[in-house]
Amino acid sequence: MRQDSLLLFGLRVRELRSEKGISQEELAALTELDRTYISGIERGKRNLSLKNILKIASALNVTASQLLDIEGLT
């Protein structure tokens, strides 16, 4: 279950990033996170802290609730 949630969250990040036309490198710069960390998130390999979830939401110009809306991806 946990792994599925991480993967779905990663897909959501990728979906929103792609919609905004932002590369992983650009998202990394906006969030002050490493590009490999962003890649790990999108592949469901990282379990993020709330602080990093908020950074990503802000960089993507969405609310944390919108970022965490993974139910439609199942």
N, C-alpha and C. Protein backbone atom coordinates (compact mmCIF):
# COMPACT_ATOMS: atom_id res chain seq x y z
N MET A 1 0.83 -1.20 0.00
CA MET A 1 0.00 0.00 0.00
C MET A 1 0.87 1.26 0.00
N ARG A 2 1.87 1.32 0.88
CA ARG A 2 2.72 2.50 0.97
C ARG A 2 3.43 2.73 -0.35
N GLN A 3 3.99 1.68 -0.94
CA GLN A 3 4.70 1.82 -2.20
C GLN A 3 3.77 2.30 -3.30
N ASP A 4 2.55 1.78 -3.31
CA ASP A 4 1.57 2.23 -4.31
C ASP A 4 1.28 3.71 -4.15
N SER A 5 1.18 4.18 -2.92
CA SER A 5 0.90 5.59 -2.66
C SER A 5 2.06 6.46 -3.12
N LEU A 6 3.28 6.01 -2.88
CA LEU A 6 4.45 6.78 -3.32
C LEU A 6 4.51 6.85 -4.84
N LEU A 7 4.19 5.75 -5.50
CA LEU A 7 4.19 5.73 -6.96
C LEU A 7 3.10 6.64 -7.51
N LEU A 8 1.91 6.58 -6.94
CA LEU A 8 0.82 7.45 -7.40
C LEU A 8 1.15 8.92 -7.17
N PHE A 9 1.76 9.21 -6.02
CA PHE A 9 2.15 10.60 -5.75
C PHE A 9 3.18 11.05 -6.79
N GLY A 10 4.13 10.21 -7.09
CA GLY A 10 5.15 10.52 -8.10
C GLY A 10 4.54 10.78 -9.46
N LEU A 11 3.56 9.96 -9.82
CA LEU A 11 2.86 10.17 -11.10
C LEU A 11 2.13 11.50 -11.11
N ARG A 12 1.58 11.87 -9.96
CA ARG A 12 0.87 13.15 -9.85
C ARG A 12 1.85 14.32 -10.02
N VAL A 13 3.00 14.22 -9.39
CA VAL A 13 4.02 15.27 -9.54
C VAL A 13 4.41 15.39 -11.00
N ARG A 14 4.68 14.26 -11.64
CA ARG A 14 5.08 14.27 -13.05
C ARG A 14 3.98 14.87 -13.93
N GLU A 15 2.74 14.48 -13.66
CA GLU A 15 1.60 15.00 -14.43
C GLU A 15 1.52 16.52 -14.34
N LEU A 16 1.58 17.04 -13.11
CA LEU A 16 1.47 18.49 -12.93
C LEU A 16 2.69 19.21 -13.50
N ARG A 17 3.86 18.64 -13.33
CA ARG A 17 5.08 19.24 -13.86
C ARG A 17 5.00 19.32 -15.39
N SER A 18 4.56 18.23 -16.00
CA SER A 18 4.46 18.20 -17.46
C SER A 18 3.41 19.19 -17.97
N GLU A 19 2.27 19.28 -17.28
CA GLU A 19 1.24 20.24 -17.66
C GLU A 19 1.76 21.67 -17.66
N LYS A 20 2.66 21.96 -16.72
CA LYS A 20 3.22 23.31 -16.59
C LYS A 20 4.40 23.53 -17.54
N GLY A 21 4.85 22.46 -18.21
CA GLY A 21 5.98 22.58 -19.12
C GLY A 21 7.29 22.80 -18.40
N ILE A 22 7.42 22.22 -17.22
CA ILE A 22 8.62 22.39 -16.39
C ILE A 22 9.43 21.10 -16.43
N SER A 23 10.72 21.21 -16.65
CA SER A 23 11.59 20.03 -16.63
C SER A 23 11.90 19.64 -15.18
N GLN A 24 12.43 18.44 -15.00
CA GLN A 24 12.86 18.03 -13.66
C GLN A 24 13.93 18.99 -13.14
N GLU A 25 14.81 19.43 -14.00
CA GLU A 25 15.87 20.35 -13.60
C GLU A 25 15.30 21.68 -13.12
N GLU A 26 14.30 22.18 -13.84
CA GLU A 26 13.66 23.44 -13.45
C GLU A 26 12.93 23.28 -12.12
N LEU A 27 12.22 22.16 -11.96
CA LEU A 27 11.51 21.93 -10.69
C LEU A 27 12.51 21.83 -9.55
N ALA A 28 13.60 21.16 -9.78
CA ALA A 28 14.64 21.04 -8.75
C ALA A 28 15.15 22.42 -8.35
N ALA A 29 15.40 23.27 -9.32
CA ALA A 29 15.89 24.62 -9.03
C ALA A 29 14.86 25.43 -8.25
N LEU A 30 13.60 25.33 -8.65
CA LEU A 30 12.53 26.08 -7.98
C LEU A 30 12.33 25.63 -6.53
N THR A 31 12.57 24.35 -6.27
CA THR A 31 12.33 23.80 -4.93
C THR A 31 13.60 23.73 -4.09
N GLU A 32 14.75 24.00 -4.73
CA GLU A 32 16.05 23.86 -4.07
C GLU A 32 16.30 22.42 -3.62
N LEU A 33 15.80 21.48 -4.44
CA LEU A 33 16.03 20.06 -4.24
C LEU A 33 16.87 19.55 -5.40
N ASP A 34 17.55 18.45 -5.21
CA ASP A 34 18.38 17.89 -6.27
C ASP A 34 17.51 17.25 -7.36
N ARG A 35 17.97 17.34 -8.62
CA ARG A 35 17.21 16.74 -9.72
C ARG A 35 17.04 15.24 -9.53
N THR A 36 18.04 14.56 -8.98
CA THR A 36 17.91 13.12 -8.76
C THR A 36 16.86 12.82 -7.69
N TYR A 37 16.68 13.74 -6.75
CA TYR A 37 15.64 13.59 -5.74
C TYR A 37 14.26 13.72 -6.40
N ILE A 38 14.11 14.70 -7.29
CA ILE A 38 12.85 14.86 -8.03
C ILE A 38 12.56 13.61 -8.85
N SER A 39 13.58 13.09 -9.51
CA SER A 39 13.43 11.86 -10.29
C SER A 39 12.97 10.71 -9.40
N GLY A 40 13.57 10.59 -8.23
CA GLY A 40 13.19 9.54 -7.28
C GLY A 40 11.74 9.67 -6.83
N ILE A 41 11.30 10.91 -6.63
CA ILE A 41 9.90 11.16 -6.26
C ILE A 41 8.99 10.65 -7.37
N GLU A 42 9.29 11.05 -8.59
CA GLU A 42 8.43 10.70 -9.72
C GLU A 42 8.42 9.20 -9.99
N ARG A 43 9.45 8.50 -9.57
CA ARG A 43 9.48 7.04 -9.75
C ARG A 43 8.94 6.29 -8.53
N GLY A 44 8.46 7.04 -7.53
CA GLY A 44 7.89 6.41 -6.34
C GLY A 44 8.93 5.83 -5.41
N LYS A 45 10.15 6.33 -5.47
CA LYS A 45 11.24 5.80 -4.67
C LYS A 45 11.53 6.65 -3.43
N ARG A 46 10.89 7.78 -3.30
CA ARG A 46 11.16 8.70 -2.19
C ARG A 46 9.90 8.92 -1.36
N ASN A 47 10.08 8.93 -0.05
CA ASN A 47 9.01 9.25 0.89
C ASN A 47 9.30 10.66 1.40
N LEU A 48 8.52 11.62 0.95
CA LEU A 48 8.80 13.03 1.21
C LEU A 48 8.35 13.49 2.58
N SER A 49 9.01 14.53 3.04
CA SER A 49 8.57 15.23 4.24
C SER A 49 7.50 16.25 3.83
N LEU A 50 6.74 16.70 4.78
CA LEU A 50 5.73 17.72 4.52
C LEU A 50 6.38 18.98 3.96
N LYS A 51 7.53 19.33 4.47
CA LYS A 51 8.26 20.51 4.00
C LYS A 51 8.53 20.43 2.49
N ASN A 52 8.95 19.27 2.01
CA ASN A 52 9.24 19.12 0.58
C ASN A 52 7.97 19.04 -0.25
N ILE A 53 6.91 18.48 0.29
CA ILE A 53 5.61 18.47 -0.41
C ILE A 53 5.15 19.91 -0.62
N LEU A 54 5.29 20.74 0.40
CA LEU A 54 4.89 22.14 0.29
C LEU A 54 5.77 22.90 -0.69
N LYS A 55 7.06 22.60 -0.74
CA LYS A 55 7.96 23.24 -1.70
C LYS A 55 7.53 22.90 -3.13
N ILE A 56 7.22 21.64 -3.36
CA ILE A 56 6.83 21.20 -4.70
C ILE A 56 5.50 21.82 -5.10
N ALA A 57 4.54 21.83 -4.18
CA ALA A 57 3.24 22.43 -4.47
C ALA A 57 3.41 23.91 -4.84
N SER A 58 4.21 24.62 -4.08
CA SER A 58 4.45 26.03 -4.35
C SER A 58 5.10 26.23 -5.71
N ALA A 59 6.10 25.42 -6.02
CA ALA A 59 6.81 25.54 -7.30
C ALA A 59 5.89 25.24 -8.48
N LEU A 60 4.93 24.35 -8.28
CA LEU A 60 3.99 23.99 -9.34
C LEU A 60 2.76 24.90 -9.34
N ASN A 61 2.72 25.83 -8.37
CA ASN A 61 1.61 26.77 -8.25
C ASN A 61 0.27 26.07 -8.06
N VAL A 62 0.28 25.05 -7.19
CA VAL A 62 -0.93 24.34 -6.80
C VAL A 62 -0.96 24.26 -5.28
N THR A 63 -2.12 23.93 -4.74
CA THR A 63 -2.20 23.73 -3.30
C THR A 63 -1.66 22.34 -2.96
N ALA A 64 -1.30 22.15 -1.70
CA ALA A 64 -0.86 20.84 -1.27
C ALA A 64 -1.97 19.81 -1.49
N SER A 65 -3.21 20.22 -1.28
CA SER A 65 -4.35 19.32 -1.51
C SER A 65 -4.42 18.87 -2.96
N GLN A 66 -4.20 19.80 -3.87
CA GLN A 66 -4.22 19.45 -5.30
C GLN A 66 -3.08 18.51 -5.65
N LEU A 67 -1.93 18.75 -5.06
CA LEU A 67 -0.77 17.88 -5.30
C LEU A 67 -1.02 16.48 -4.77
N LEU A 68 -1.68 16.39 -3.64
CA LEU A 68 -1.92 15.10 -3.00
C LEU A 68 -3.15 14.38 -3.54
N ASP A 69 -3.85 14.96 -4.48
CA ASP A 69 -5.04 14.34 -5.06
C ASP A 69 -4.62 13.24 -6.04
N ILE A 70 -4.42 12.03 -5.51
CA ILE A 70 -3.93 10.92 -6.32
C ILE A 70 -5.04 9.89 -6.62
N GLU A 71 -6.24 10.15 -6.14
CA GLU A 71 -7.32 9.17 -6.30
C GLU A 71 -7.70 8.93 -7.76
N GLY A 72 -7.60 9.94 -8.58
CA GLY A 72 -7.96 9.78 -10.00
C GLY A 72 -6.92 9.03 -10.80
N LEU A 73 -5.77 8.75 -10.19
CA LEU A 73 -4.69 8.06 -10.90
C LEU A 73 -4.73 6.56 -10.71
N THR A 74 -5.60 6.04 -9.86
CA THR A 74 -5.61 4.61 -9.57
C THR A 74 -6.17 3.79 -10.67
